[in-house]
Amino acid sequence: MYAIQKLATALDKLKTPEGLAIERYATHLPFLTDKVSMKWDGEWHITYEVFRDLGFAFGVVMVLIYVIVVAWFQSFRVPLVIMAPIPLTLVGILPAHAMLGSFHHGDVLHRVHRGRGNHRA
């Protein structure tokens, strides 16, 4: 992601011969090929597809769990109380990462691997 951010900044400065900005696509291919554009591909596209599919699977599983718990307790409210903490844990992940500064964990590992970081645990 950091490489894409740096490249995006550099690409913002580039212009086509017509003076237009280079259009970038992350999730799909350009509809027409009559002007200069760029498709982020490779690992970025794989990551996008995996998170999209996992998000869909998470939603399906949540519905299935709800149906099973409704059948078990024969109530529509009890499963809501039981399952309420699940989305709250997802909401809590982002502030926890921000407080612990672990968003840049990959960058730290990269520097340690290249011998420029602190090797203490």
PDB file of N, CA and C in Angstrom:
ATOM      1  N   MET A   1       0.809  -1.188   0.000  1.00  0.00           N
ATOM      2  CA  MET A   1       0.000   0.000   0.000  1.00  0.00           C
ATOM      3  C   MET A   1       0.858   1.261   0.000  1.00  0.00           C
ATOM      4  N   TYR A   2       1.974   1.221   0.734  1.00  0.00           N
ATOM      5  CA  TYR A   2       2.838   2.400   0.804  1.00  0.00           C
ATOM      6  C   TYR A   2       3.458   2.696  -0.554  1.00  0.00           C
ATOM      7  N   ALA A   3       3.816   1.660  -1.275  1.00  0.00           N
ATOM      8  CA  ALA A   3       4.384   1.868  -2.612  1.00  0.00           C
ATOM      9  C   ALA A   3       3.343   2.496  -3.538  1.00  0.00           C
ATOM     10  N   ILE A   4       2.108   2.050  -3.447  1.00  0.00           N
ATOM     11  CA  ILE A   4       1.039   2.602  -4.278  1.00  0.00           C
ATOM     12  C   ILE A   4       0.806   4.075  -3.932  1.00  0.00           C
ATOM     13  N   GLN A   5       0.863   4.415  -2.653  1.00  0.00           N
ATOM     14  CA  GLN A   5       0.685   5.816  -2.256  1.00  0.00           C
ATOM     15  C   GLN A   5       1.797   6.698  -2.827  1.00  0.00           C
ATOM     16  N   LYS A   6       3.038   6.217  -2.765  1.00  0.00           N
ATOM     17  CA  LYS A   6       4.153   6.997  -3.310  1.00  0.00           C
ATOM     18  C   LYS A   6       4.037   7.137  -4.823  1.00  0.00           C
ATOM     19  N   LEU A   7       3.681   6.041  -5.490  1.00  0.00           N
ATOM     20  CA  LEU A   7       3.523   6.098  -6.942  1.00  0.00           C
ATOM     21  C   LEU A   7       2.345   6.993  -7.332  1.00  0.00           C
ATOM     22  N   ALA A   8       1.279   6.972  -6.562  1.00  0.00           N
ATOM     23  CA  ALA A   8       0.118   7.817  -6.868  1.00  0.00           C
ATOM     24  C   ALA A   8       0.503   9.288  -6.805  1.00  0.00           C
ATOM     25  N   THR A   9       1.327   9.649  -5.839  1.00  0.00           N
ATOM     26  CA  THR A   9       1.784  11.036  -5.731  1.00  0.00           C
ATOM     27  C   THR A   9       2.603  11.421  -6.959  1.00  0.00           C
ATOM     28  N   ALA A  10       3.485  10.526  -7.390  1.00  0.00           N
ATOM     29  CA  ALA A  10       4.300  10.798  -8.573  1.00  0.00           C
ATOM     30  C   ALA A  10       3.439  10.844  -9.834  1.00  0.00           C
ATOM     31  N   LEU A  11       2.448   9.960  -9.929  1.00  0.00           N
ATOM     32  CA  LEU A  11       1.579   9.932 -11.105  1.00  0.00           C
ATOM     33  C   LEU A  11       0.685  11.171 -11.186  1.00  0.00           C
ATOM     34  N   ASP A  12       0.357  11.745 -10.039  1.00  0.00           N
ATOM     35  CA  ASP A  12      -0.450  12.973 -10.045  1.00  0.00           C
ATOM     36  C   ASP A  12       0.277  14.111 -10.758  1.00  0.00           C
ATOM     37  N   LYS A  13       1.585  14.071 -10.750  1.00  0.00           N
ATOM     38  CA  LYS A  13       2.385  15.128 -11.372  1.00  0.00           C
ATOM     39  C   LYS A  13       2.532  14.929 -12.884  1.00  0.00           C
ATOM     40  N   LEU A  14       2.310  13.698 -13.349  1.00  0.00           N
ATOM     41  CA  LEU A  14       2.450  13.408 -14.780  1.00  0.00           C
ATOM     42  C   LEU A  14       1.192  13.800 -15.546  1.00  0.00           C
ATOM     43  N   LYS A  15       1.388  14.235 -16.783  1.00  0.00           N
ATOM     44  CA  LYS A  15       0.262  14.572 -17.657  1.00  0.00           C
ATOM     45  C   LYS A  15       0.456  13.863 -18.994  1.00  0.00           C
ATOM     46  N   THR A  16      -0.643  13.577 -19.662  1.00  0.00           N
ATOM     47  CA  THR A  16      -0.595  12.974 -20.990  1.00  0.00           C
ATOM     48  C   THR A  16      -0.192  14.053 -22.002  1.00  0.00           C
ATOM     49  N   PRO A  17       0.130  13.666 -23.234  1.00  0.00           N
ATOM     50  CA  PRO A  17       0.452  14.675 -24.243  1.00  0.00           C
ATOM     51  C   PRO A  17      -0.672  15.703 -24.457  1.00  0.00           C
ATOM     52  N   GLU A  18      -1.915  15.313 -24.171  1.00  0.00           N
ATOM     53  CA  GLU A  18      -3.048  16.232 -24.308  1.00  0.00           C
ATOM     54  C   GLU A  18      -3.194  17.131 -23.079  1.00  0.00           C
ATOM     55  N   GLY A  19      -2.358  16.921 -22.055  1.00  0.00           N
ATOM     56  CA  GLY A  19      -2.414  17.722 -20.842  1.00  0.00           C
ATOM     57  C   GLY A  19      -3.373  17.186 -19.793  1.00  0.00           C
ATOM     58  N   LEU A  20      -3.853  15.985 -19.977  1.00  0.00           N
ATOM     59  CA  LEU A  20      -4.800  15.388 -19.034  1.00  0.00           C
ATOM     60  C   LEU A  20      -4.062  14.552 -17.987  1.00  0.00           C
ATOM     61  N   ALA A  21      -4.693  14.348 -16.860  1.00  0.00           N
ATOM     62  CA  ALA A  21      -4.135  13.468 -15.827  1.00  0.00           C
ATOM     63  C   ALA A  21      -4.301  12.013 -16.266  1.00  0.00           C
ATOM     64  N   ILE A  22      -3.417  11.170 -15.781  1.00  0.00           N
ATOM     65  CA  ILE A  22      -3.497   9.737 -16.093  1.00  0.00           C
ATOM     66  C   ILE A  22      -4.551   9.113 -15.180  1.00  0.00           C
ATOM     67  N   GLU A  23      -5.559   8.531 -15.787  1.00  0.00           N
ATOM     68  CA  GLU A  23      -6.595   7.862 -14.995  1.00  0.00           C
ATOM     69  C   GLU A  23      -6.048   6.542 -14.470  1.00  0.00           C
ATOM     70  N   ARG A  24      -6.427   6.223 -13.215  1.00  0.00           N
ATOM     71  CA  ARG A  24      -5.969   4.984 -12.597  1.00  0.00           C
ATOM     72  C   ARG A  24      -7.175   4.132 -12.220  1.00  0.00           C
ATOM     73  N   TYR A  25      -7.029   2.837 -12.389  1.00  0.00           N
ATOM     74  CA  TYR A  25      -8.090   1.888 -12.070  1.00  0.00           C
ATOM     75  C   TYR A  25      -7.544   0.863 -11.090  1.00  0.00           C
ATOM     76  N   ALA A  26      -8.328   0.559 -10.059  1.00  0.00           N
ATOM     77  CA  ALA A  26      -7.889  -0.403  -9.050  1.00  0.00           C
ATOM     78  C   ALA A  26      -8.712  -1.684  -9.081  1.00  0.00           C
ATOM     79  N   THR A  27      -9.996  -1.569  -9.378  1.00  0.00           N
ATOM     80  CA  THR A  27     -10.874  -2.735  -9.253  1.00  0.00           C
ATOM     81  C   THR A  27     -11.366  -3.291 -10.577  1.00  0.00           C
ATOM     82  N   HIS A  28     -11.186  -2.551 -11.644  1.00  0.00           N
ATOM     83  CA  HIS A  28     -11.669  -3.017 -12.939  1.00  0.00           C
ATOM     84  C   HIS A  28     -10.807  -2.418 -14.046  1.00  0.00           C
ATOM     85  N   LEU A  29     -10.960  -2.943 -15.229  1.00  0.00           N
ATOM     86  CA  LEU A  29     -10.225  -2.422 -16.380  1.00  0.00           C
ATOM     87  C   LEU A  29     -10.936  -1.210 -16.952  1.00  0.00           C
ATOM     88  N   PRO A  30     -10.206  -0.325 -17.633  1.00  0.00           N
ATOM     89  CA  PRO A  30     -10.875   0.820 -18.263  1.00  0.00           C
ATOM     90  C   PRO A  30     -11.838   0.344 -19.351  1.00  0.00           C
ATOM     91  N   PHE A  31     -12.932   1.060 -19.506  1.00  0.00           N
ATOM     92  CA  PHE A  31     -13.933   0.686 -20.495  1.00  0.00           C
ATOM     93  C   PHE A  31     -13.421   0.930 -21.913  1.00  0.00           C
ATOM     94  N   LEU A  32     -12.744   2.060 -22.122  1.00  0.00           N
ATOM     95  CA  LEU A  32     -12.174   2.399 -23.421  1.00  0.00           C
ATOM     96  C   LEU A  32     -10.658   2.483 -23.318  1.00  0.00           C
ATOM     97  N   THR A  33      -9.996   2.297 -24.442  1.00  0.00           N
ATOM     98  CA  THR A  33      -8.532   2.377 -24.456  1.00  0.00           C
ATOM     99  C   THR A  33      -8.050   3.519 -25.339  1.00  0.00           C
ATOM    100  N   ASP A  34      -8.869   4.540 -25.518  1.00  0.00           N
ATOM    101  CA  ASP A  34      -8.509   5.644 -26.404  1.00  0.00           C
ATOM    102  C   ASP A  34      -7.663   6.719 -25.727  1.00  0.00           C
ATOM    103  N   LYS A  35      -7.467   6.626 -24.412  1.00  0.00           N
ATOM    104  CA  LYS A  35      -6.607   7.582 -23.727  1.00  0.00           C
ATOM    105  C   LYS A  35      -5.715   6.848 -22.728  1.00  0.00           C
ATOM    106  N   VAL A  36      -4.692   7.523 -22.275  1.00  0.00           N
ATOM    107  CA  VAL A  36      -3.717   6.913 -21.374  1.00  0.00           C
ATOM    108  C   VAL A  36      -4.367   6.657 -20.018  1.00  0.00           C
ATOM    109  N   SER A  37      -4.211   5.444 -19.539  1.00  0.00           N
ATOM    110  CA  SER A  37      -4.708   5.077 -18.219  1.00  0.00           C
ATOM    111  C   SER A  37      -3.806   3.990 -17.652  1.00  0.00           C
ATOM    112  N   MET A  38      -3.984   3.708 -16.375  1.00  0.00           N
ATOM    113  CA  MET A  38      -3.150   2.711 -15.717  1.00  0.00           C
ATOM    114  C   MET A  38      -4.019   1.837 -14.824  1.00  0.00           C
ATOM    115  N   LYS A  39      -3.755   0.554 -14.831  1.00  0.00           N
ATOM    116  CA  LYS A  39      -4.488  -0.405 -14.001  1.00  0.00           C
ATOM    117  C   LYS A  39      -3.542  -0.928 -12.927  1.00  0.00           C
ATOM    118  N   TRP A  40      -3.873  -0.680 -11.633  1.00  0.00           N
ATOM    119  CA  TRP A  40      -3.114  -1.291 -10.547  1.00  0.00           C
ATOM    120  C   TRP A  40      -3.443  -2.774 -10.582  1.00  0.00           C
ATOM    121  N   ASP A  41      -2.440  -3.600 -10.669  1.00  0.00           N
ATOM    122  CA  ASP A  41      -2.690  -5.030 -10.814  1.00  0.00           C
ATOM    123  C   ASP A  41      -1.744  -5.815  -9.916  1.00  0.00           C
ATOM    124  N   GLY A  42      -1.624  -7.073 -10.169  1.00  0.00           N
ATOM    125  CA  GLY A  42      -0.719  -7.925  -9.400  1.00  0.00           C
ATOM    126  C   GLY A  42      -1.250  -8.165  -8.000  1.00  0.00           C
ATOM    127  N   GLU A  43      -0.376  -7.989  -7.013  1.00  0.00           N
ATOM    128  CA  GLU A  43      -0.737  -8.247  -5.619  1.00  0.00           C
ATOM    129  C   GLU A  43      -1.879  -7.350  -5.139  1.00  0.00           C
ATOM    130  N   TRP A  44      -1.919  -6.104  -5.626  1.00  0.00           N
ATOM    131  CA  TRP A  44      -2.992  -5.198  -5.212  1.00  0.00           C
ATOM    132  C   TRP A  44      -4.346  -5.758  -5.633  1.00  0.00           C
ATOM    133  N   HIS A  45      -4.453  -6.226  -6.851  1.00  0.00           N
ATOM    134  CA  HIS A  45      -5.721  -6.757  -7.340  1.00  0.00           C
ATOM    135  C   HIS A  45      -6.102  -8.032  -6.575  1.00  0.00           C
ATOM    136  N   ILE A  46      -5.119  -8.865  -6.300  1.00  0.00           N
ATOM    137  CA  ILE A  46      -5.382 -10.092  -5.535  1.00  0.00           C
ATOM    138  C   ILE A  46      -5.881  -9.730  -4.136  1.00  0.00           C
ATOM    139  N   THR A  47      -5.232  -8.757  -3.495  1.00  0.00           N
ATOM    140  CA  THR A  47      -5.640  -8.319  -2.157  1.00  0.00           C
ATOM    141  C   THR A  47      -7.071  -7.789  -2.182  1.00  0.00           C
ATOM    142  N   TYR A  48      -7.394  -6.980  -3.190  1.00  0.00           N
ATOM    143  CA  TYR A  48      -8.747  -6.431  -3.316  1.00  0.00           C
ATOM    144  C   TYR A  48      -9.771  -7.565  -3.433  1.00  0.00           C
ATOM    145  N   GLU A  49      -9.497  -8.544  -4.298  1.00  0.00           N
ATOM    146  CA  GLU A  49     -10.443  -9.642  -4.495  1.00  0.00           C
ATOM    147  C   GLU A  49     -10.600 -10.479  -3.234  1.00  0.00           C
ATOM    148  N   VAL A  50      -9.500 -10.734  -2.535  1.00  0.00           N
ATOM    149  CA  VAL A  50      -9.565 -11.544  -1.321  1.00  0.00           C
ATOM    150  C   VAL A  50     -10.405 -10.841  -0.257  1.00  0.00           C
ATOM    151  N   PHE A  51     -10.163  -9.533  -0.029  1.00  0.00           N
ATOM    152  CA  PHE A  51     -10.938  -8.819   0.980  1.00  0.00           C
ATOM    153  C   PHE A  51     -12.404  -8.698   0.580  1.00  0.00           C
ATOM    154  N   ARG A  52     -12.668  -8.527  -0.709  1.00  0.00           N
ATOM    155  CA  ARG A  52     -14.060  -8.471  -1.162  1.00  0.00           C
ATOM    156  C   ARG A  52     -14.752  -9.803  -0.887  1.00  0.00           C
ATOM    157  N   ASP A  53     -14.103 -10.897  -1.245  1.00  0.00           N
ATOM    158  CA  ASP A  53     -14.700 -12.219  -1.054  1.00  0.00           C
ATOM    159  C   ASP A  53     -14.839 -12.577   0.419  1.00  0.00           C
ATOM    160  N   LEU A  54     -13.832 -12.217   1.229  1.00  0.00           N
ATOM    161  CA  LEU A  54     -13.922 -12.498   2.661  1.00  0.00           C
ATOM    162  C   LEU A  54     -15.025 -11.672   3.313  1.00  0.00           C
ATOM    163  N   GLY A  55     -15.201 -10.437   2.880  1.00  0.00           N
ATOM    164  CA  GLY A  55     -16.277  -9.612   3.415  1.00  0.00           C
ATOM    165  C   GLY A  55     -17.637 -10.207   3.097  1.00  0.00           C
ATOM    166  N   PHE A  56     -17.801 -10.692   1.869  1.00  0.00           N
ATOM    167  CA  PHE A  56     -19.056 -11.338   1.488  1.00  0.00           C
ATOM    168  C   PHE A  56     -19.279 -12.604   2.311  1.00  0.00           C
ATOM    169  N   ALA A  57     -18.232 -13.419   2.458  1.00  0.00           N
ATOM    170  CA  ALA A  57     -18.343 -14.660   3.237  1.00  0.00           C
ATOM    171  C   ALA A  57     -18.669 -14.357   4.698  1.00  0.00           C
ATOM    172  N   PHE A  58     -18.077 -13.283   5.246  1.00  0.00           N
ATOM    173  CA  PHE A  58     -18.367 -12.891   6.623  1.00  0.00           C
ATOM    174  C   PHE A  58     -19.850 -12.573   6.782  1.00  0.00           C
ATOM    175  N   GLY A  59     -20.417 -11.843   5.837  1.00  0.00           N
ATOM    176  CA  GLY A  59     -21.843 -11.513   5.894  1.00  0.00           C
ATOM    177  C   GLY A  59     -22.723 -12.751   5.829  1.00  0.00           C
ATOM    178  N   VAL A  60     -22.380 -13.669   4.939  1.00  0.00           N
ATOM    179  CA  VAL A  60     -23.166 -14.906   4.804  1.00  0.00           C
ATOM    180  C   VAL A  60     -23.093 -15.723   6.087  1.00  0.00           C
ATOM    181  N   VAL A  61     -21.902 -15.831   6.648  1.00  0.00           N
ATOM    182  CA  VAL A  61     -21.737 -16.610   7.879  1.00  0.00           C
ATOM    183  C   VAL A  61     -22.508 -15.970   9.034  1.00  0.00           C
ATOM    184  N   MET A  62     -22.505 -14.638   9.097  1.00  0.00           N
ATOM    185  CA  MET A  62     -23.263 -13.964  10.164  1.00  0.00           C
ATOM    186  C   MET A  62     -24.758 -14.293  10.056  1.00  0.00           C
ATOM    187  N   VAL A  63     -25.281 -14.310   8.852  1.00  0.00           N
ATOM    188  CA  VAL A  63     -26.698 -14.648   8.657  1.00  0.00           C
ATOM    189  C   VAL A  63     -26.957 -16.099   9.051  1.00  0.00           C
ATOM    190  N   LEU A  64     -26.066 -16.997   8.633  1.00  0.00           N
ATOM    191  CA  LEU A  64     -26.242 -18.409   8.984  1.00  0.00           C
ATOM    192  C   LEU A  64     -26.168 -18.640  10.494  1.00  0.00           C
ATOM    193  N   ILE A  65     -25.234 -17.981  11.150  1.00  0.00           N
ATOM    194  CA  ILE A  65     -25.139 -18.114  12.609  1.00  0.00           C
ATOM    195  C   ILE A  65     -26.414 -17.590  13.262  1.00  0.00           C
ATOM    196  N   TYR A  66     -26.922 -16.455  12.777  1.00  0.00           N
ATOM    197  CA  TYR A  66     -28.155 -15.896  13.322  1.00  0.00           C
ATOM    198  C   TYR A  66     -29.304 -16.899  13.182  1.00  0.00           C
ATOM    199  N   VAL A  67     -29.436 -17.498  12.011  1.00  0.00           N
ATOM    200  CA  VAL A  67     -30.522 -18.471  11.779  1.00  0.00           C
ATOM    201  C   VAL A  67     -30.381 -19.666  12.717  1.00  0.00           C
ATOM    202  N   ILE A  68     -29.154 -20.149  12.904  1.00  0.00           N
ATOM    203  CA  ILE A  68     -28.938 -21.303  13.788  1.00  0.00           C
ATOM    204  C   ILE A  68     -29.277 -20.942  15.232  1.00  0.00           C
ATOM    205  N   VAL A  69     -28.867 -19.759  15.676  1.00  0.00           N
ATOM    206  CA  VAL A  69     -29.140 -19.362  17.063  1.00  0.00           C
ATOM    207  C   VAL A  69     -30.637 -19.096  17.263  1.00  0.00           C
ATOM    208  N   VAL A  70     -31.302 -18.548  16.244  1.00  0.00           N
ATOM    209  CA  VAL A  70     -32.761 -18.381  16.329  1.00  0.00           C
ATOM    210  C   VAL A  70     -33.424 -19.741  16.499  1.00  0.00           C
ATOM    211  N   ALA A  71     -33.007 -20.718  15.721  1.00  0.00           N
ATOM    212  CA  ALA A  71     -33.590 -22.059  15.828  1.00  0.00           C
ATOM    213  C   ALA A  71     -33.293 -22.675  17.200  1.00  0.00           C
ATOM    214  N   TRP A  72     -32.111 -22.445  17.720  1.00  0.00           N
ATOM    215  CA  TRP A  72     -31.729 -23.035  18.997  1.00  0.00           C
ATOM    216  C   TRP A  72     -32.519 -22.417  20.161  1.00  0.00           C
ATOM    217  N   PHE A  73     -32.592 -21.073  20.220  1.00  0.00           N
ATOM    218  CA  PHE A  73     -33.254 -20.408  21.337  1.00  0.00           C
ATOM    219  C   PHE A  73     -34.723 -20.097  21.058  1.00  0.00           C
ATOM    220  N   GLN A  74     -35.188 -20.297  19.840  1.00  0.00           N
ATOM    221  CA  GLN A  74     -36.555 -20.016  19.430  1.00  0.00           C
ATOM    222  C   GLN A  74     -36.962 -18.587  19.802  1.00  0.00           C
ATOM    223  N   SER A  75     -36.061 -17.674  19.476  1.00  0.00           N
ATOM    224  CA  SER A  75     -36.276 -16.259  19.743  1.00  0.00           C
ATOM    225  C   SER A  75     -35.498 -15.455  18.700  1.00  0.00           C
ATOM    226  N   PHE A  76     -36.069 -14.316  18.293  1.00  0.00           N
ATOM    227  CA  PHE A  76     -35.368 -13.465  17.332  1.00  0.00           C
ATOM    228  C   PHE A  76     -34.482 -12.427  18.027  1.00  0.00           C
ATOM    229  N   ARG A  77     -34.733 -12.184  19.325  1.00  0.00           N
ATOM    230  CA  ARG A  77     -33.958 -11.170  20.056  1.00  0.00           C
ATOM    231  C   ARG A  77     -32.682 -11.730  20.677  1.00  0.00           C
ATOM    232  N   VAL A  78     -32.741 -12.912  21.218  1.00  0.00           N
ATOM    233  CA  VAL A  78     -31.584 -13.497  21.907  1.00  0.00           C
ATOM    234  C   VAL A  78     -30.364 -13.569  20.979  1.00  0.00           C
ATOM    235  N   PRO A  79     -30.505 -14.009  19.736  1.00  0.00           N
ATOM    236  CA  PRO A  79     -29.326 -14.034  18.860  1.00  0.00           C
ATOM    237  C   PRO A  79     -28.714 -12.650  18.627  1.00  0.00           C
ATOM    238  N   LEU A  80     -29.551 -11.608  18.609  1.00  0.00           N
ATOM    239  CA  LEU A  80     -29.022 -10.255  18.445  1.00  0.00           C
ATOM    240  C   LEU A  80     -28.151  -9.862  19.631  1.00  0.00           C
ATOM    241  N   VAL A  81     -28.591 -10.237  20.832  1.00  0.00           N
ATOM    242  CA  VAL A  81     -27.806  -9.939  22.032  1.00  0.00           C
ATOM    243  C   VAL A  81     -26.502 -10.756  22.014  1.00  0.00           C
ATOM    244  N   ILE A  82     -26.601 -12.003  21.635  1.00  0.00           N
ATOM    245  CA  ILE A  82     -25.422 -12.870  21.603  1.00  0.00           C
ATOM    246  C   ILE A  82     -24.428 -12.400  20.551  1.00  0.00           C
ATOM    247  N   MET A  83     -24.918 -11.978  19.401  1.00  0.00           N
ATOM    248  CA  MET A  83     -24.033 -11.632  18.283  1.00  0.00           C
ATOM    249  C   MET A  83     -23.621 -10.161  18.263  1.00  0.00           C
ATOM    250  N   ALA A  84     -24.165  -9.332  19.142  1.00  0.00           N
ATOM    251  CA  ALA A  84     -23.825  -7.906  19.151  1.00  0.00           C
ATOM    252  C   ALA A  84     -22.328  -7.636  19.287  1.00  0.00           C
ATOM    253  N   PRO A  85     -21.575  -8.389  20.091  1.00  0.00           N
ATOM    254  CA  PRO A  85     -20.143  -8.092  20.213  1.00  0.00           C
ATOM    255  C   PRO A  85     -19.330  -8.353  18.940  1.00  0.00           C
ATOM    256  N   ILE A  86     -19.830  -9.126  18.016  1.00  0.00           N
ATOM    257  CA  ILE A  86     -19.040  -9.470  16.826  1.00  0.00           C
ATOM    258  C   ILE A  86     -18.716  -8.233  15.992  1.00  0.00           C
ATOM    259  N   PRO A  87     -19.689  -7.429  15.560  1.00  0.00           N
ATOM    260  CA  PRO A  87     -19.311  -6.224  14.819  1.00  0.00           C
ATOM    261  C   PRO A  87     -18.567  -5.207  15.678  1.00  0.00           C
ATOM    262  N   LEU A  88     -18.820  -5.204  16.980  1.00  0.00           N
ATOM    263  CA  LEU A  88     -18.108  -4.280  17.862  1.00  0.00           C
ATOM    264  C   LEU A  88     -16.617  -4.611  17.920  1.00  0.00           C
ATOM    265  N   THR A  89     -16.265  -5.885  17.814  1.00  0.00           N
ATOM    266  CA  THR A  89     -14.840  -6.243  17.789  1.00  0.00           C
ATOM    267  C   THR A  89     -14.186  -5.715  16.523  1.00  0.00           C
ATOM    268  N   LEU A  90     -14.920  -5.729  15.412  1.00  0.00           N
ATOM    269  CA  LEU A  90     -14.354  -5.180  14.172  1.00  0.00           C
ATOM    270  C   LEU A  90     -14.134  -3.681  14.293  1.00  0.00           C
ATOM    271  N   VAL A  91     -15.071  -2.979  14.941  1.00  0.00           N
ATOM    272  CA  VAL A  91     -14.938  -1.536  15.132  1.00  0.00           C
ATOM    273  C   VAL A  91     -13.757  -1.240  16.055  1.00  0.00           C
ATOM    274  N   GLY A  92     -13.539  -2.080  17.051  1.00  0.00           N
ATOM    275  CA  GLY A  92     -12.459  -1.867  18.011  1.00  0.00           C
ATOM    276  C   GLY A  92     -11.074  -2.130  17.463  1.00  0.00           C
ATOM    277  N   ILE A  93     -10.963  -2.857  16.371  1.00  0.00           N
ATOM    278  CA  ILE A  93      -9.658  -3.186  15.812  1.00  0.00           C
ATOM    279  C   ILE A  93      -8.938  -1.934  15.330  1.00  0.00           C
ATOM    280  N   LEU A  94      -9.625  -1.055  14.635  1.00  0.00           N
ATOM    281  CA  LEU A  94      -8.971   0.125  14.063  1.00  0.00           C
ATOM    282  C   LEU A  94      -8.429   1.078  15.127  1.00  0.00           C
ATOM    283  N   PRO A  95      -9.216   1.451  16.149  1.00  0.00           N
ATOM    284  CA  PRO A  95      -8.630   2.311  17.185  1.00  0.00           C
ATOM    285  C   PRO A  95      -7.473   1.634  17.925  1.00  0.00           C
ATOM    286  N   ALA A  96      -7.577   0.333  18.142  1.00  0.00           N
ATOM    287  CA  ALA A  96      -6.489  -0.378  18.825  1.00  0.00           C
ATOM    288  C   ALA A  96      -5.212  -0.338  17.995  1.00  0.00           C
ATOM    289  N   HIS A  97      -5.322  -0.536  16.694  1.00  0.00           N
ATOM    290  CA  HIS A  97      -4.140  -0.445  15.828  1.00  0.00           C
ATOM    291  C   HIS A  97      -3.568   0.962  15.851  1.00  0.00           C
ATOM    292  N   ALA A  98      -4.421   1.962  15.843  1.00  0.00           N
ATOM    293  CA  ALA A  98      -3.951   3.343  15.858  1.00  0.00           C
ATOM    294  C   ALA A  98      -3.242   3.674  17.178  1.00  0.00           C
ATOM    295  N   MET A  99      -3.810   3.223  18.303  1.00  0.00           N
ATOM    296  CA  MET A  99      -3.194   3.503  19.598  1.00  0.00           C
ATOM    297  C   MET A  99      -1.847   2.806  19.747  1.00  0.00           C
ATOM    298  N   LEU A 100      -1.742   1.599  19.206  1.00  0.00           N
ATOM    299  CA  LEU A 100      -0.492   0.847  19.331  1.00  0.00           C
ATOM    300  C   LEU A 100       0.487   1.150  18.210  1.00  0.00           C
ATOM    301  N   GLY A 101       0.073   1.937  17.234  1.00  0.00           N
ATOM    302  CA  GLY A 101       0.969   2.296  16.132  1.00  0.00           C
ATOM    303  C   GLY A 101       1.342   1.115  15.264  1.00  0.00           C
ATOM    304  N   SER A 102       0.473   0.137  15.136  1.00  0.00           N
ATOM    305  CA  SER A 102       0.821  -1.069  14.389  1.00  0.00           C
ATOM    306  C   SER A 102       0.398  -1.011  12.924  1.00  0.00           C
ATOM    307  N   PHE A 103      -0.070   0.165  12.435  1.00  0.00           N
ATOM    308  CA  PHE A 103      -0.394   0.283  11.024  1.00  0.00           C
ATOM    309  C   PHE A 103       0.866   0.156  10.171  1.00  0.00           C
ATOM    310  N   HIS A 104       1.995   0.592  10.703  1.00  0.00           N
ATOM    311  CA  HIS A 104       3.245   0.595   9.941  1.00  0.00           C
ATOM    312  C   HIS A 104       4.116  -0.603  10.279  1.00  0.00           C
ATOM    313  N   HIS A 105       3.521  -1.669  10.741  1.00  0.00           N
ATOM    314  CA  HIS A 105       4.266  -2.855  11.160  1.00  0.00           C
ATOM    315  C   HIS A 105       5.105  -3.419  10.015  1.00  0.00           C
ATOM    316  N   GLY A 106       4.556  -3.465   8.812  1.00  0.00           N
ATOM    317  CA  GLY A 106       5.297  -3.997   7.669  1.00  0.00           C
ATOM    318  C   GLY A 106       6.510  -3.160   7.354  1.00  0.00           C
ATOM    319  N   ASP A 107       6.410  -1.840   7.503  1.00  0.00           N
ATOM    320  CA  ASP A 107       7.543  -0.952   7.261  1.00  0.00           C
ATOM    321  C   ASP A 107       8.647  -1.211   8.280  1.00  0.00           C
ATOM    322  N   VAL A 108       8.280  -1.436   9.537  1.00  0.00           N
ATOM    323  CA  VAL A 108       9.268  -1.716  10.575  1.00  0.00           C
ATOM    324  C   VAL A 108       9.985  -3.016  10.259  1.00  0.00           C
ATOM    325  N   LEU A 109       9.245  -4.051   9.890  1.00  0.00           N
ATOM    326  CA  LEU A 109       9.879  -5.324   9.545  1.00  0.00           C
ATOM    327  C   LEU A 109      10.804  -5.177   8.350  1.00  0.00           C
ATOM    328  N   HIS A 110      10.416  -4.368   7.380  1.00  0.00           N
ATOM    329  CA  HIS A 110      11.246  -4.159   6.201  1.00  0.00           C
ATOM    330  C   HIS A 110      12.574  -3.511   6.594  1.00  0.00           C
ATOM    331  N   ARG A 111      12.540  -2.495   7.463  1.00  0.00           N
ATOM    332  CA  ARG A 111      13.770  -1.825   7.886  1.00  0.00           C
ATOM    333  C   ARG A 111      14.650  -2.757   8.703  1.00  0.00           C
ATOM    334  N   VAL A 112      14.048  -3.577   9.575  1.00  0.00           N
ATOM    335  CA  VAL A 112      14.830  -4.519  10.367  1.00  0.00           C
ATOM    336  C   VAL A 112      15.484  -5.541   9.450  1.00  0.00           C
ATOM    337  N   HIS A 113      14.742  -6.015   8.477  1.00  0.00           N
ATOM    338  CA  HIS A 113      15.266  -7.006   7.541  1.00  0.00           C
ATOM    339  C   HIS A 113      16.453  -6.450   6.763  1.00  0.00           C
ATOM    340  N   ARG A 114      16.408  -5.162   6.421  1.00  0.00           N
ATOM    341  CA  ARG A 114      17.488  -4.547   5.647  1.00  0.00           C
ATOM    342  C   ARG A 114      18.612  -4.059   6.532  1.00  0.00           C
ATOM    343  N   GLY A 115      18.495  -4.269   7.861  1.00  0.00           N
ATOM    344  CA  GLY A 115      19.584  -3.933   8.758  1.00  0.00           C
ATOM    345  C   GLY A 115      19.596  -2.501   9.239  1.00  0.00           C
ATOM    346  N   ARG A 116      18.515  -1.741   9.051  1.00  0.00           N
ATOM    347  CA  ARG A 116      18.487  -0.343   9.460  1.00  0.00           C
ATOM    348  C   ARG A 116      17.658  -0.112  10.696  1.00  0.00           C
ATOM    349  N   GLY A 117      17.056  -1.157  11.206  1.00  0.00           N
ATOM    350  CA  GLY A 117      16.153  -0.950  12.342  1.00  0.00           C
ATOM    351  C   GLY A 117      16.737  -1.461  13.633  1.00  0.00           C
ATOM    352  N   ASN A 118      15.971  -1.309  14.674  1.00  0.00           N
ATOM    353  CA  ASN A 118      16.346  -1.794  15.992  1.00  0.00           C
ATOM    354  C   ASN A 118      16.016  -3.278  16.055  1.00  0.00           C
ATOM    355  N   HIS A 119      16.979  -4.110  16.443  1.00  0.00           N
ATOM    356  CA  HIS A 119      16.773  -5.561  16.429  1.00  0.00           C
ATOM    357  C   HIS A 119      16.245  -6.088  17.755  1.00  0.00           C
ATOM    358  N   ARG A 120      15.983  -5.217  18.705  1.00  0.00           N
ATOM    359  CA  ARG A 120      15.437  -5.675  19.988  1.00  0.00           C
ATOM    360  C   ARG A 120      13.956  -5.978  19.831  1.00  0.00           C
ATOM    361  N   ALA A 121      13.482  -6.932  20.605  1.00  0.00           N
ATOM    362  CA  ALA A 121      12.067  -7.291  20.573  1.00  0.00           C
ATOM    363  C   ALA A 121      11.266  -6.383  21.446  1.00  0.00           C
TER     364      ALA A 121
END
